[in-house]
Amino acid sequence: MMIITPAAHPTQGRVVALGQGDFAKFAADNGLTMNTYLWEAVAVNAPYNEPDLRWVNYFPSWQDQSKADRLWRQKADKLQAEIFELITCKKPFFFPMMSVAQPAQAQEKPLITQVCTLNDGKSLRDAMAYRKGVVATANKLADTSVGSAVFLPGIGLSTGWDYVAMMTGTPDDMATMMDTVRTGALAAALGKAGLESPSTCATDLHRSHRMVQMQN
């Protein structure tokens, strides 16, 4: 499950430093099971292009989210004030998330999201099979370790789309993969594998900054 909070900001670096500092300390001190990222908007289509950044909290379960929410409301007044000195946030959205393939870890990495609407006669099962095929084909073609996930409409947002597909990885892996898109090599490999998109998608680009990482 992902909680995404759109926000405006004065300086990306100050927000990331707070997330990696005081916010990460709060999560560690309180034993919170979560990952937290800042998605810096780079090239984003309307109508989702207005926020400068998205503060993303990931929780493995609703129990983990409930614990974090309770402690946040009880103990985080000072930390909330620090955050709101830097950014103006809208209310959060809650999205169920399904992992397709885990990416290699990186402190900062490009992140592509595709906002997708299923074509007539196609289902989410078709979309998940296609996403798995895309990641496997891309990684085999370029010898990379790009990962992917899909998140679905959830609570707090009325959408005109069916799902969002996400691809990310280390900066080098993502650049290598994106060059296979530029040259047409990936499209050719997907065609050879018999993979055809079941959806119509708009593609956005963010820069993801890791702030809190769950301990294994």
N, C-alpha and C. Protein backbone atom coordinates (compact mmCIF):
# COMPACT_ATOMS: atom_id res chain seq x y z
N MET A 1 0.83 -1.19 0.00
CA MET A 1 0.00 0.00 0.00
C MET A 1 0.87 1.24 0.00
N MET A 2 0.52 2.21 -0.85
CA MET A 2 1.26 3.46 -0.92
C MET A 2 0.37 4.61 -0.55
N ILE A 3 0.92 5.58 0.17
CA ILE A 3 0.23 6.83 0.48
C ILE A 3 1.03 7.94 -0.17
N ILE A 4 0.40 8.66 -1.09
CA ILE A 4 1.09 9.68 -1.85
C ILE A 4 0.48 11.04 -1.53
N THR A 5 1.33 11.97 -1.13
CA THR A 5 0.89 13.31 -0.77
C THR A 5 1.49 14.33 -1.72
N PRO A 6 0.69 14.93 -2.62
CA PRO A 6 1.23 15.97 -3.50
C PRO A 6 1.58 17.21 -2.71
N ALA A 7 2.63 17.92 -3.14
CA ALA A 7 3.08 19.09 -2.40
C ALA A 7 3.80 20.07 -3.30
N ALA A 8 3.87 21.32 -2.82
CA ALA A 8 4.72 22.34 -3.43
C ALA A 8 5.92 22.54 -2.51
N HIS A 9 7.00 23.09 -3.04
CA HIS A 9 8.21 23.16 -2.23
C HIS A 9 9.05 24.38 -2.58
N PRO A 10 9.89 24.87 -1.63
CA PRO A 10 10.83 25.93 -1.96
C PRO A 10 12.16 25.38 -2.45
N THR A 11 12.65 24.30 -1.85
CA THR A 11 13.94 23.73 -2.18
C THR A 11 13.87 22.22 -1.99
N GLN A 12 14.04 21.45 -3.08
CA GLN A 12 13.95 20.00 -2.99
C GLN A 12 14.94 19.45 -1.97
N GLY A 13 16.18 19.95 -2.01
CA GLY A 13 17.21 19.38 -1.17
C GLY A 13 16.91 19.50 0.31
N ARG A 14 16.30 20.59 0.74
CA ARG A 14 15.97 20.76 2.15
C ARG A 14 14.90 19.77 2.58
N VAL A 15 13.96 19.47 1.70
CA VAL A 15 12.91 18.51 2.03
C VAL A 15 13.52 17.11 2.13
N VAL A 16 14.38 16.75 1.19
CA VAL A 16 15.03 15.44 1.22
C VAL A 16 15.88 15.31 2.49
N ALA A 17 16.62 16.35 2.85
CA ALA A 17 17.46 16.30 4.05
C ALA A 17 16.62 16.10 5.30
N LEU A 18 15.47 16.73 5.36
CA LEU A 18 14.59 16.54 6.51
C LEU A 18 14.06 15.11 6.53
N GLY A 19 13.69 14.60 5.36
CA GLY A 19 13.19 13.24 5.29
C GLY A 19 14.22 12.21 5.67
N GLN A 20 15.47 12.43 5.25
CA GLN A 20 16.55 11.50 5.57
C GLN A 20 17.08 11.70 6.99
N GLY A 21 16.74 12.84 7.59
CA GLY A 21 17.22 13.16 8.93
C GLY A 21 16.16 12.96 10.00
N ASP A 22 15.46 14.03 10.35
CA ASP A 22 14.50 13.98 11.47
C ASP A 22 13.37 12.98 11.22
N PHE A 23 12.87 12.93 9.98
CA PHE A 23 11.76 12.00 9.71
C PHE A 23 12.23 10.56 9.81
N ALA A 24 13.40 10.25 9.23
CA ALA A 24 13.93 8.89 9.31
C ALA A 24 14.21 8.50 10.77
N LYS A 25 14.70 9.45 11.56
CA LYS A 25 14.95 9.17 12.98
C LYS A 25 13.65 8.85 13.72
N PHE A 26 12.59 9.60 13.41
CA PHE A 26 11.28 9.34 14.03
C PHE A 26 10.81 7.93 13.68
N ALA A 27 10.94 7.55 12.40
CA ALA A 27 10.52 6.21 11.99
C ALA A 27 11.33 5.13 12.70
N ALA A 28 12.64 5.33 12.82
CA ALA A 28 13.51 4.35 13.47
C ALA A 28 13.23 4.28 14.97
N ASP A 29 13.12 5.43 15.62
CA ASP A 29 12.91 5.47 17.07
C ASP A 29 11.60 4.82 17.48
N ASN A 30 10.62 4.87 16.57
CA ASN A 30 9.29 4.33 16.88
C ASN A 30 9.03 2.96 16.24
N GLY A 31 10.07 2.38 15.64
CA GLY A 31 9.95 1.05 15.08
C GLY A 31 8.92 0.93 13.97
N LEU A 32 8.83 1.95 13.11
CA LEU A 32 7.83 1.94 12.05
C LEU A 32 8.31 1.10 10.87
N THR A 33 7.44 0.26 10.37
CA THR A 33 7.74 -0.59 9.22
C THR A 33 7.23 0.11 7.97
N MET A 34 8.14 0.80 7.27
CA MET A 34 7.73 1.62 6.14
C MET A 34 8.94 1.98 5.29
N ASN A 35 8.67 2.31 4.04
CA ASN A 35 9.64 2.97 3.16
C ASN A 35 9.09 4.35 2.83
N THR A 36 9.97 5.32 2.69
CA THR A 36 9.55 6.67 2.34
C THR A 36 10.44 7.23 1.25
N TYR A 37 9.81 7.81 0.24
CA TYR A 37 10.52 8.41 -0.89
C TYR A 37 9.96 9.80 -1.17
N LEU A 38 10.79 10.65 -1.71
CA LEU A 38 10.31 11.89 -2.30
C LEU A 38 10.43 11.75 -3.81
N TRP A 39 9.29 11.92 -4.50
CA TRP A 39 9.29 11.90 -5.97
C TRP A 39 9.31 13.34 -6.46
N GLU A 40 10.43 13.75 -6.98
CA GLU A 40 10.59 15.09 -7.54
C GLU A 40 10.07 15.11 -8.97
N ALA A 41 9.11 15.97 -9.26
CA ALA A 41 8.53 16.03 -10.60
C ALA A 41 9.56 16.55 -11.60
N VAL A 42 9.75 15.81 -12.69
CA VAL A 42 10.68 16.22 -13.74
C VAL A 42 9.92 16.57 -15.01
N ALA A 43 9.14 15.62 -15.54
CA ALA A 43 8.34 15.85 -16.75
C ALA A 43 7.03 15.10 -16.57
N VAL A 44 5.98 15.81 -16.16
CA VAL A 44 4.73 15.19 -15.75
C VAL A 44 3.57 15.78 -16.54
N ASN A 45 2.71 14.92 -17.06
CA ASN A 45 1.56 15.33 -17.85
C ASN A 45 0.45 15.89 -16.98
N ALA A 46 -0.34 16.77 -17.54
CA ALA A 46 -1.58 17.22 -16.90
C ALA A 46 -2.55 16.02 -16.86
N PRO A 47 -3.41 15.94 -15.83
CA PRO A 47 -3.64 16.95 -14.79
C PRO A 47 -2.82 16.72 -13.53
N TYR A 48 -1.78 15.88 -13.60
CA TYR A 48 -1.00 15.53 -12.40
C TYR A 48 0.32 16.29 -12.34
N ASN A 49 0.43 17.37 -13.09
CA ASN A 49 1.69 18.09 -13.19
C ASN A 49 1.79 19.26 -12.21
N GLU A 50 0.75 19.57 -11.47
CA GLU A 50 0.77 20.75 -10.60
C GLU A 50 1.71 20.60 -9.40
N PRO A 51 1.73 19.46 -8.69
CA PRO A 51 2.64 19.35 -7.54
C PRO A 51 4.10 19.35 -7.97
N ASP A 52 4.95 19.98 -7.18
CA ASP A 52 6.39 19.96 -7.42
C ASP A 52 7.01 18.64 -6.98
N LEU A 53 6.39 18.01 -6.00
CA LEU A 53 6.91 16.76 -5.47
C LEU A 53 5.77 15.94 -4.89
N ARG A 54 6.07 14.67 -4.70
CA ARG A 54 5.13 13.76 -4.04
C ARG A 54 5.87 13.05 -2.92
N TRP A 55 5.33 13.14 -1.72
CA TRP A 55 5.91 12.46 -0.56
C TRP A 55 5.22 11.10 -0.49
N VAL A 56 5.98 10.02 -0.64
CA VAL A 56 5.42 8.68 -0.79
C VAL A 56 5.81 7.82 0.41
N ASN A 57 4.83 7.36 1.16
CA ASN A 57 5.04 6.39 2.22
C ASN A 57 4.51 5.04 1.77
N TYR A 58 5.31 4.01 1.91
CA TYR A 58 4.88 2.65 1.57
C TYR A 58 4.83 1.81 2.85
N PHE A 59 3.70 1.10 3.03
CA PHE A 59 3.52 0.21 4.17
C PHE A 59 3.14 -1.18 3.66
N PRO A 60 3.76 -2.24 4.21
CA PRO A 60 3.40 -3.59 3.77
C PRO A 60 1.97 -3.99 4.09
N SER A 61 1.39 -3.38 5.14
CA SER A 61 0.04 -3.77 5.57
C SER A 61 -0.69 -2.57 6.17
N TRP A 62 -2.01 -2.71 6.30
CA TRP A 62 -2.80 -1.68 6.97
C TRP A 62 -2.45 -1.60 8.45
N GLN A 63 -2.05 -2.71 9.07
CA GLN A 63 -1.63 -2.67 10.46
C GLN A 63 -0.39 -1.78 10.63
N ASP A 64 0.56 -1.88 9.69
CA ASP A 64 1.74 -1.03 9.76
C ASP A 64 1.36 0.44 9.57
N GLN A 65 0.44 0.70 8.66
CA GLN A 65 0.00 2.08 8.43
C GLN A 65 -0.73 2.62 9.66
N SER A 66 -1.57 1.78 10.27
CA SER A 66 -2.34 2.22 11.43
C SER A 66 -1.43 2.58 12.59
N LYS A 67 -0.41 1.77 12.84
CA LYS A 67 0.55 2.07 13.90
C LYS A 67 1.26 3.39 13.63
N ALA A 68 1.72 3.59 12.38
CA ALA A 68 2.42 4.82 12.04
C ALA A 68 1.51 6.04 12.18
N ASP A 69 0.27 5.92 11.74
CA ASP A 69 -0.66 7.04 11.82
C ASP A 69 -0.95 7.41 13.26
N ARG A 70 -1.13 6.42 14.10
CA ARG A 70 -1.41 6.67 15.52
C ARG A 70 -0.24 7.38 16.20
N LEU A 71 0.96 6.89 15.99
CA LEU A 71 2.13 7.50 16.61
C LEU A 71 2.41 8.89 16.04
N TRP A 72 2.14 9.06 14.74
CA TRP A 72 2.34 10.37 14.11
C TRP A 72 1.45 11.42 14.76
N ARG A 73 0.18 11.07 14.99
CA ARG A 73 -0.75 12.03 15.59
C ARG A 73 -0.45 12.27 17.06
N GLN A 74 0.13 11.27 17.74
CA GLN A 74 0.41 11.40 19.17
C GLN A 74 1.72 12.14 19.45
N LYS A 75 2.73 11.97 18.61
CA LYS A 75 4.09 12.33 18.99
C LYS A 75 4.83 13.24 18.02
N ALA A 76 4.22 13.59 16.88
CA ALA A 76 5.02 14.22 15.83
C ALA A 76 4.68 15.70 15.58
N ASP A 77 4.13 16.39 16.58
CA ASP A 77 3.76 17.79 16.36
C ASP A 77 4.95 18.64 15.90
N LYS A 78 6.09 18.48 16.56
CA LYS A 78 7.26 19.29 16.20
C LYS A 78 7.76 18.94 14.80
N LEU A 79 7.78 17.65 14.48
CA LEU A 79 8.23 17.21 13.17
C LEU A 79 7.28 17.68 12.07
N GLN A 80 5.99 17.63 12.33
CA GLN A 80 5.02 18.13 11.35
C GLN A 80 5.27 19.61 11.07
N ALA A 81 5.54 20.37 12.12
CA ALA A 81 5.80 21.79 11.94
C ALA A 81 7.04 22.01 11.07
N GLU A 82 8.08 21.20 11.26
CA GLU A 82 9.28 21.30 10.43
C GLU A 82 8.95 21.06 8.96
N ILE A 83 8.14 20.05 8.71
CA ILE A 83 7.78 19.71 7.33
C ILE A 83 6.97 20.83 6.70
N PHE A 84 6.00 21.35 7.44
CA PHE A 84 5.12 22.37 6.86
C PHE A 84 5.78 23.73 6.74
N GLU A 85 6.95 23.90 7.35
CA GLU A 85 7.73 25.11 7.08
C GLU A 85 8.33 25.07 5.68
N LEU A 86 8.47 23.88 5.12
CA LEU A 86 9.11 23.72 3.82
C LEU A 86 8.13 23.49 2.68
N ILE A 87 7.05 22.76 2.93
CA ILE A 87 6.15 22.38 1.84
C ILE A 87 4.70 22.59 2.24
N THR A 88 3.90 22.87 1.24
CA THR A 88 2.45 22.96 1.39
C THR A 88 1.85 21.70 0.78
N CYS A 89 1.17 20.90 1.58
CA CYS A 89 0.71 19.58 1.14
C CYS A 89 -0.80 19.55 0.95
N LYS A 90 -1.21 18.80 -0.06
CA LYS A 90 -2.63 18.47 -0.20
C LYS A 90 -2.90 17.18 0.58
N LYS A 91 -4.17 16.82 0.67
CA LYS A 91 -4.51 15.61 1.41
C LYS A 91 -3.99 14.39 0.65
N PRO A 92 -3.65 13.32 1.38
CA PRO A 92 -3.03 12.15 0.75
C PRO A 92 -4.03 11.28 0.00
N PHE A 93 -3.49 10.47 -0.91
CA PHE A 93 -4.23 9.43 -1.60
C PHE A 93 -3.66 8.08 -1.18
N PHE A 94 -4.51 7.06 -1.08
CA PHE A 94 -4.09 5.72 -0.69
C PHE A 94 -4.23 4.79 -1.90
N PHE A 95 -3.13 4.11 -2.27
CA PHE A 95 -3.14 3.25 -3.44
C PHE A 95 -2.69 1.84 -3.07
N PRO A 96 -3.49 0.80 -3.38
CA PRO A 96 -2.96 -0.56 -3.30
C PRO A 96 -1.84 -0.74 -4.32
N MET A 97 -0.77 -1.45 -3.94
CA MET A 97 0.37 -1.62 -4.84
C MET A 97 0.73 -3.08 -4.99
N MET A 98 1.04 -3.49 -6.22
CA MET A 98 1.47 -4.86 -6.52
C MET A 98 2.86 -4.80 -7.14
N SER A 99 3.81 -5.52 -6.55
CA SER A 99 5.17 -5.55 -7.06
C SER A 99 5.25 -6.47 -8.28
N VAL A 100 5.97 -6.02 -9.30
CA VAL A 100 6.22 -6.83 -10.49
C VAL A 100 7.63 -7.40 -10.43
N ALA A 101 8.62 -6.56 -10.15
CA ALA A 101 10.02 -6.99 -10.02
C ALA A 101 10.75 -5.96 -9.18
N GLN A 102 11.53 -6.42 -8.19
CA GLN A 102 12.25 -5.52 -7.30
C GLN A 102 13.45 -4.91 -8.03
N PRO A 103 13.62 -3.57 -7.96
CA PRO A 103 14.80 -2.95 -8.58
C PRO A 103 16.00 -2.99 -7.65
N ALA A 104 17.18 -2.79 -8.21
CA ALA A 104 18.37 -2.59 -7.39
C ALA A 104 18.20 -1.29 -6.60
N GLN A 105 18.77 -1.25 -5.38
CA GLN A 105 18.61 -0.09 -4.52
C GLN A 105 19.53 1.06 -4.95
N ALA A 106 19.03 2.27 -4.80
CA ALA A 106 19.83 3.46 -5.07
C ALA A 106 19.25 4.60 -4.25
N GLN A 107 20.12 5.46 -3.76
CA GLN A 107 19.67 6.60 -2.96
C GLN A 107 18.85 7.57 -3.80
N GLU A 108 19.24 7.73 -5.05
CA GLU A 108 18.51 8.62 -5.98
C GLU A 108 18.42 7.92 -7.31
N LYS A 109 17.24 7.94 -7.93
CA LYS A 109 17.09 7.20 -9.18
C LYS A 109 15.96 7.79 -10.01
N PRO A 110 16.06 7.67 -11.35
CA PRO A 110 14.94 8.06 -12.21
C PRO A 110 13.77 7.11 -11.97
N LEU A 111 12.56 7.63 -12.10
CA LEU A 111 11.36 6.82 -11.90
C LEU A 111 10.34 7.20 -12.97
N ILE A 112 9.96 6.23 -13.77
CA ILE A 112 8.97 6.44 -14.83
C ILE A 112 7.63 5.90 -14.35
N THR A 113 6.59 6.70 -14.48
CA THR A 113 5.24 6.22 -14.21
C THR A 113 4.42 6.34 -15.49
N GLN A 114 3.58 5.35 -15.73
CA GLN A 114 2.68 5.37 -16.88
C GLN A 114 1.26 5.29 -16.37
N VAL A 115 0.49 6.35 -16.60
CA VAL A 115 -0.90 6.42 -16.19
C VAL A 115 -1.73 5.77 -17.30
N CYS A 116 -2.36 4.63 -17.01
CA CYS A 116 -2.88 3.76 -18.06
C CYS A 116 -4.39 3.51 -17.95
N THR A 117 -5.04 3.44 -19.11
CA THR A 117 -6.44 3.04 -19.23
C THR A 117 -6.50 1.78 -20.07
N LEU A 118 -7.15 0.76 -19.56
CA LEU A 118 -7.24 -0.51 -20.27
C LEU A 118 -8.02 -0.35 -21.57
N ASN A 119 -7.53 -0.99 -22.62
CA ASN A 119 -8.24 -1.01 -23.88
C ASN A 119 -9.45 -1.95 -23.78
N ASP A 120 -10.41 -1.80 -24.70
CA ASP A 120 -11.63 -2.62 -24.68
C ASP A 120 -11.27 -4.10 -24.69
N GLY A 121 -11.91 -4.83 -23.80
CA GLY A 121 -11.72 -6.28 -23.75
C GLY A 121 -10.51 -6.71 -22.94
N LYS A 122 -9.75 -5.78 -22.41
CA LYS A 122 -8.56 -6.12 -21.65
C LYS A 122 -8.82 -5.96 -20.15
N SER A 123 -8.03 -6.70 -19.35
CA SER A 123 -8.23 -6.73 -17.90
C SER A 123 -6.93 -6.41 -17.19
N LEU A 124 -7.04 -6.25 -15.87
CA LEU A 124 -5.84 -6.03 -15.06
C LEU A 124 -4.91 -7.23 -15.14
N ARG A 125 -5.44 -8.42 -15.28
CA ARG A 125 -4.59 -9.60 -15.45
C ARG A 125 -3.73 -9.47 -16.70
N ASP A 126 -4.33 -8.97 -17.79
CA ASP A 126 -3.55 -8.73 -19.01
C ASP A 126 -2.45 -7.70 -18.75
N ALA A 127 -2.79 -6.65 -18.01
CA ALA A 127 -1.81 -5.59 -17.73
C ALA A 127 -0.65 -6.11 -16.90
N MET A 128 -0.93 -6.93 -15.88
CA MET A 128 0.14 -7.46 -15.04
C MET A 128 1.04 -8.40 -15.84
N ALA A 129 0.45 -9.23 -16.69
CA ALA A 129 1.25 -10.12 -17.52
C ALA A 129 2.15 -9.33 -18.46
N TYR A 130 1.60 -8.24 -19.02
CA TYR A 130 2.39 -7.40 -19.92
C TYR A 130 3.53 -6.72 -19.18
N ARG A 131 3.25 -6.19 -17.98
CA ARG A 131 4.30 -5.50 -17.22
C ARG A 131 5.43 -6.47 -16.87
N LYS A 132 5.09 -7.68 -16.47
CA LYS A 132 6.13 -8.68 -16.16
C LYS A 132 6.96 -8.98 -17.40
N GLY A 133 6.29 -9.07 -18.55
CA GLY A 133 6.99 -9.33 -19.79
C GLY A 133 7.90 -8.19 -20.20
N VAL A 134 7.44 -6.96 -20.00
CA VAL A 134 8.24 -5.78 -20.35
C VAL A 134 9.52 -5.74 -19.52
N VAL A 135 9.39 -5.93 -18.20
CA VAL A 135 10.56 -5.86 -17.32
C VAL A 135 11.54 -6.97 -17.65
N ALA A 136 11.05 -8.19 -17.83
CA ALA A 136 11.94 -9.30 -18.14
C ALA A 136 12.65 -9.08 -19.46
N THR A 137 11.91 -8.60 -20.47
CA THR A 137 12.51 -8.37 -21.78
C THR A 137 13.53 -7.24 -21.74
N ALA A 138 13.19 -6.15 -21.05
CA ALA A 138 14.09 -5.00 -20.95
C ALA A 138 15.39 -5.38 -20.25
N ASN A 139 15.28 -6.12 -19.16
CA ASN A 139 16.48 -6.49 -18.40
C ASN A 139 17.35 -7.49 -19.16
N LYS A 140 16.73 -8.41 -19.87
CA LYS A 140 17.50 -9.36 -20.67
C LYS A 140 18.20 -8.66 -21.83
N LEU A 141 17.50 -7.73 -22.47
CA LEU A 141 18.04 -7.03 -23.63
C LEU A 141 19.27 -6.21 -23.25
N ALA A 142 19.20 -5.51 -22.12
CA ALA A 142 20.25 -4.54 -21.77
C ALA A 142 21.11 -4.97 -20.60
N ASP A 143 20.88 -6.18 -20.06
CA ASP A 143 21.64 -6.68 -18.91
C ASP A 143 21.54 -5.70 -17.74
N THR A 144 20.30 -5.33 -17.41
CA THR A 144 20.02 -4.39 -16.33
C THR A 144 19.20 -5.08 -15.24
N SER A 145 18.95 -4.33 -14.16
CA SER A 145 18.12 -4.83 -13.06
C SER A 145 17.02 -3.82 -12.73
N VAL A 146 16.34 -3.36 -13.78
CA VAL A 146 15.23 -2.43 -13.59
C VAL A 146 14.06 -3.18 -12.95
N GLY A 147 13.37 -2.51 -12.02
CA GLY A 147 12.22 -3.10 -11.35
C GLY A 147 10.94 -2.39 -11.70
N SER A 148 9.82 -2.96 -11.27
CA SER A 148 8.53 -2.39 -11.65
C SER A 148 7.48 -2.72 -10.59
N ALA A 149 6.44 -1.90 -10.55
CA ALA A 149 5.28 -2.13 -9.69
C ALA A 149 4.06 -1.52 -10.37
N VAL A 150 2.91 -1.93 -9.92
CA VAL A 150 1.64 -1.38 -10.42
C VAL A 150 0.83 -0.93 -9.22
N PHE A 151 0.27 0.28 -9.27
CA PHE A 151 -0.67 0.65 -8.22
C PHE A 151 -1.99 1.08 -8.82
N LEU A 152 -3.04 0.83 -8.03
CA LEU A 152 -4.42 0.92 -8.48
C LEU A 152 -5.14 2.08 -7.81
N PRO A 153 -6.24 2.55 -8.41
CA PRO A 153 -7.02 3.60 -7.73
C PRO A 153 -7.43 3.13 -6.35
N GLY A 154 -7.32 4.02 -5.38
CA GLY A 154 -7.63 3.64 -4.01
C GLY A 154 -8.58 4.62 -3.35
N ILE A 155 -8.17 5.14 -2.20
CA ILE A 155 -9.01 6.00 -1.38
C ILE A 155 -8.55 7.45 -1.54
N GLY A 156 -9.49 8.35 -1.81
CA GLY A 156 -9.19 9.77 -1.80
C GLY A 156 -8.95 10.39 -3.15
N LEU A 157 -9.07 9.61 -4.24
CA LEU A 157 -8.81 10.15 -5.57
C LEU A 157 -9.75 9.51 -6.56
N SER A 158 -10.55 10.32 -7.21
CA SER A 158 -11.40 9.85 -8.31
C SER A 158 -10.61 9.98 -9.59
N THR A 159 -10.37 8.85 -10.27
CA THR A 159 -9.46 8.85 -11.41
C THR A 159 -10.20 8.55 -12.70
N GLY A 160 -9.55 8.89 -13.82
CA GLY A 160 -10.02 8.49 -15.12
C GLY A 160 -9.16 7.38 -15.69
N TRP A 161 -8.32 6.75 -14.83
CA TRP A 161 -7.42 5.70 -15.30
C TRP A 161 -7.66 4.42 -14.51
N ASP A 162 -7.09 3.33 -15.03
CA ASP A 162 -7.29 2.01 -14.41
C ASP A 162 -6.12 1.59 -13.52
N TYR A 163 -4.91 2.00 -13.87
CA TYR A 163 -3.74 1.66 -13.05
C TYR A 163 -2.58 2.56 -13.45
N VAL A 164 -1.57 2.60 -12.58
CA VAL A 164 -0.31 3.29 -12.89
C VAL A 164 0.80 2.26 -12.83
N ALA A 165 1.56 2.14 -13.92
CA ALA A 165 2.71 1.26 -13.97
C ALA A 165 3.96 2.08 -13.68
N MET A 166 4.83 1.55 -12.81
CA MET A 166 6.04 2.26 -12.40
C MET A 166 7.25 1.43 -12.77
N MET A 167 8.28 2.08 -13.32
CA MET A 167 9.57 1.43 -13.58
C MET A 167 10.67 2.28 -12.98
N THR A 168 11.62 1.64 -12.30
CA THR A 168 12.72 2.38 -11.71
C THR A 168 13.91 1.47 -11.53
N GLY A 169 15.04 2.06 -11.25
CA GLY A 169 16.28 1.32 -11.05
C GLY A 169 17.41 2.31 -10.82
N THR A 170 18.62 1.82 -10.77
CA THR A 170 19.76 2.71 -10.60
C THR A 170 19.84 3.68 -11.78
N PRO A 171 20.47 4.84 -11.61
CA PRO A 171 20.57 5.79 -12.73
C PRO A 171 21.19 5.17 -13.98
N ASP A 172 22.24 4.35 -13.83
CA ASP A 172 22.87 3.74 -14.99
C ASP A 172 21.94 2.74 -15.67
N ASP A 173 21.25 1.91 -14.88
CA ASP A 173 20.33 0.94 -15.47
C ASP A 173 19.18 1.63 -16.20
N MET A 174 18.64 2.69 -15.59
CA MET A 174 17.52 3.38 -16.22
C MET A 174 17.95 4.08 -17.51
N ALA A 175 19.14 4.69 -17.51
CA ALA A 175 19.63 5.34 -18.72
C ALA A 175 19.85 4.32 -19.82
N THR A 176 20.40 3.16 -19.46
CA THR A 176 20.62 2.10 -20.44
C THR A 176 19.29 1.62 -21.01
N MET A 177 18.30 1.37 -20.14
CA MET A 177 16.99 0.92 -20.59
C MET A 177 16.32 1.97 -21.49
N MET A 178 16.41 3.24 -21.09
CA MET A 178 15.76 4.30 -21.87
C MET A 178 16.42 4.48 -23.24
N ASP A 179 17.71 4.16 -23.33
CA ASP A 179 18.36 4.20 -24.64
C ASP A 179 17.85 3.08 -25.55
N THR A 180 17.46 1.94 -24.99
CA THR A 180 16.87 0.89 -25.83
C THR A 180 15.49 1.32 -26.34
N VAL A 181 14.80 2.17 -25.58
CA VAL A 181 13.54 2.75 -26.07
C VAL A 181 13.84 3.74 -27.19
N ARG A 182 14.85 4.57 -26.98
CA ARG A 182 15.21 5.59 -27.98
C ARG A 182 15.59 4.97 -29.32
N THR A 183 16.35 3.89 -29.29
CA THR A 183 16.82 3.28 -30.54
C THR A 183 15.78 2.37 -31.19
N GLY A 184 14.71 2.05 -30.46
CA GLY A 184 13.71 1.13 -30.98
C GLY A 184 14.02 -0.33 -30.68
N ALA A 185 15.15 -0.59 -30.01
CA ALA A 185 15.54 -1.98 -29.72
C ALA A 185 14.54 -2.66 -28.78
N LEU A 186 14.05 -1.93 -27.77
CA LEU A 186 13.11 -2.53 -26.83
C LEU A 186 11.79 -2.84 -27.52
N ALA A 187 11.29 -1.92 -28.34
CA ALA A 187 10.04 -2.17 -29.06
C ALA A 187 10.17 -3.41 -29.95
N ALA A 188 11.31 -3.55 -30.61
CA ALA A 188 11.52 -4.72 -31.47
C ALA A 188 11.56 -6.00 -30.64
N ALA A 189 12.22 -5.95 -29.48
CA ALA A 189 12.30 -7.13 -28.62
C ALA A 189 10.93 -7.52 -28.07
N LEU A 190 10.13 -6.52 -27.70
CA LEU A 190 8.77 -6.79 -27.21
C LEU A 190 7.93 -7.42 -28.30
N GLY A 191 8.06 -6.90 -29.53
CA GLY A 191 7.31 -7.48 -30.64
C GLY A 191 7.71 -8.92 -30.91
N LYS A 192 9.01 -9.20 -30.85
CA LYS A 192 9.51 -10.55 -31.07
C LYS A 192 8.99 -11.50 -30.00
N ALA A 193 8.82 -10.97 -28.77
CA ALA A 193 8.30 -11.79 -27.67
C ALA A 193 6.78 -11.89 -27.69
N GLY A 194 6.13 -11.22 -28.64
CA GLY A 194 4.68 -11.27 -28.74
C GLY A 194 3.96 -10.46 -27.69
N LEU A 195 4.64 -9.45 -27.16
CA LEU A 195 4.06 -8.61 -26.10
C LEU A 195 3.47 -7.34 -26.70
N GLU A 196 2.19 -7.13 -26.47
CA GLU A 196 1.49 -5.95 -26.96
C GLU A 196 0.75 -5.30 -25.80
N SER A 197 0.90 -4.00 -25.65
CA SER A 197 0.29 -3.30 -24.51
C SER A 197 -1.23 -3.44 -24.55
N PRO A 198 -1.85 -3.80 -23.40
CA PRO A 198 -3.30 -3.87 -23.33
C PRO A 198 -3.95 -2.54 -22.96
N SER A 199 -3.12 -1.48 -22.91
CA SER A 199 -3.60 -0.21 -22.37
C SER A 199 -3.11 0.96 -23.20
N THR A 200 -3.77 2.10 -23.00
CA THR A 200 -3.30 3.38 -23.52
C THR A 200 -2.76 4.18 -22.34
N CYS A 201 -1.51 4.63 -22.44
CA CYS A 201 -0.83 5.20 -21.28
C CYS A 201 -0.20 6.55 -21.59
N ALA A 202 -0.15 7.42 -20.57
CA ALA A 202 0.61 8.67 -20.62
C ALA A 202 1.81 8.50 -19.71
N THR A 203 3.00 8.85 -20.20
CA THR A 203 4.24 8.58 -19.47
C THR A 203 4.77 9.82 -18.78
N ASP A 204 5.13 9.68 -17.49
CA ASP A 204 5.69 10.77 -16.69
C ASP A 204 7.06 10.36 -16.16
N LEU A 205 7.88 11.36 -15.82
CA LEU A 205 9.21 11.11 -15.28
C LEU A 205 9.39 11.86 -13.97
N HIS A 206 9.83 11.13 -12.95
CA HIS A 206 10.18 11.73 -11.67
C HIS A 206 11.63 11.35 -11.33
N ARG A 207 12.17 12.05 -10.34
CA ARG A 207 13.44 11.67 -9.72
C ARG A 207 13.13 11.27 -8.28
N SER A 208 13.39 10.01 -7.96
CA SER A 208 13.03 9.47 -6.65
C SER A 208 14.20 9.56 -5.69
N HIS A 209 13.95 10.10 -4.49
CA HIS A 209 14.95 10.21 -3.43
C HIS A 209 14.54 9.30 -2.27
N ARG A 210 15.39 8.35 -1.91
CA ARG A 210 15.08 7.46 -0.79
C ARG A 210 15.33 8.19 0.52
N MET A 211 14.33 8.12 1.43
CA MET A 211 14.46 8.81 2.72
C MET A 211 14.40 7.83 3.89
N VAL A 212 13.52 6.84 3.85
CA VAL A 212 13.43 5.82 4.89
C VAL A 212 13.41 4.46 4.21
N GLN A 213 14.22 3.53 4.70
CA GLN A 213 14.28 2.18 4.14
C GLN A 213 14.04 1.17 5.24
N MET A 214 13.06 0.27 5.02
CA MET A 214 12.80 -0.79 5.99
C MET A 214 14.04 -1.67 6.17
N GLN A 215 14.26 -2.11 7.38
CA GLN A 215 15.37 -3.02 7.66
C GLN A 215 14.91 -4.45 7.45
N ASN A 216 15.72 -5.23 6.74
CA ASN A 216 15.38 -6.63 6.47
C ASN A 216 15.66 -7.51 7.71
